[in-house]
């Protein structure tokens, strides 16, 4: 009788542990996809700094956003031209949609 009781308890504990660990295992097996970078067209008078300040928002460090933009686009800040398309990493974007 005692052996049956321990077997049931072990099965119950294994089931509960398995159910509790499943969501954690599912999250680690399939990480959330990273959103794509945003395309921005450079306007006359724009600089990497003004673009980063506009799209990064006040909660982002402008220097970090500019650095990420330079890395992603491999662009010289002095060589920006109106009409040029730049990519802004999704992680650098503020919560705005414009």
Foldseek 3Di string as FASTA:
>chain_A
DVVVVVVVVVVVVVVVVCVVCVVVVVCVVDPDDFDFWDKDFAAPPDFLQVVLPVFQDPVADSVVQSVQQCVVAVDDRVPDDGGDITTGGPVRGDPDDD
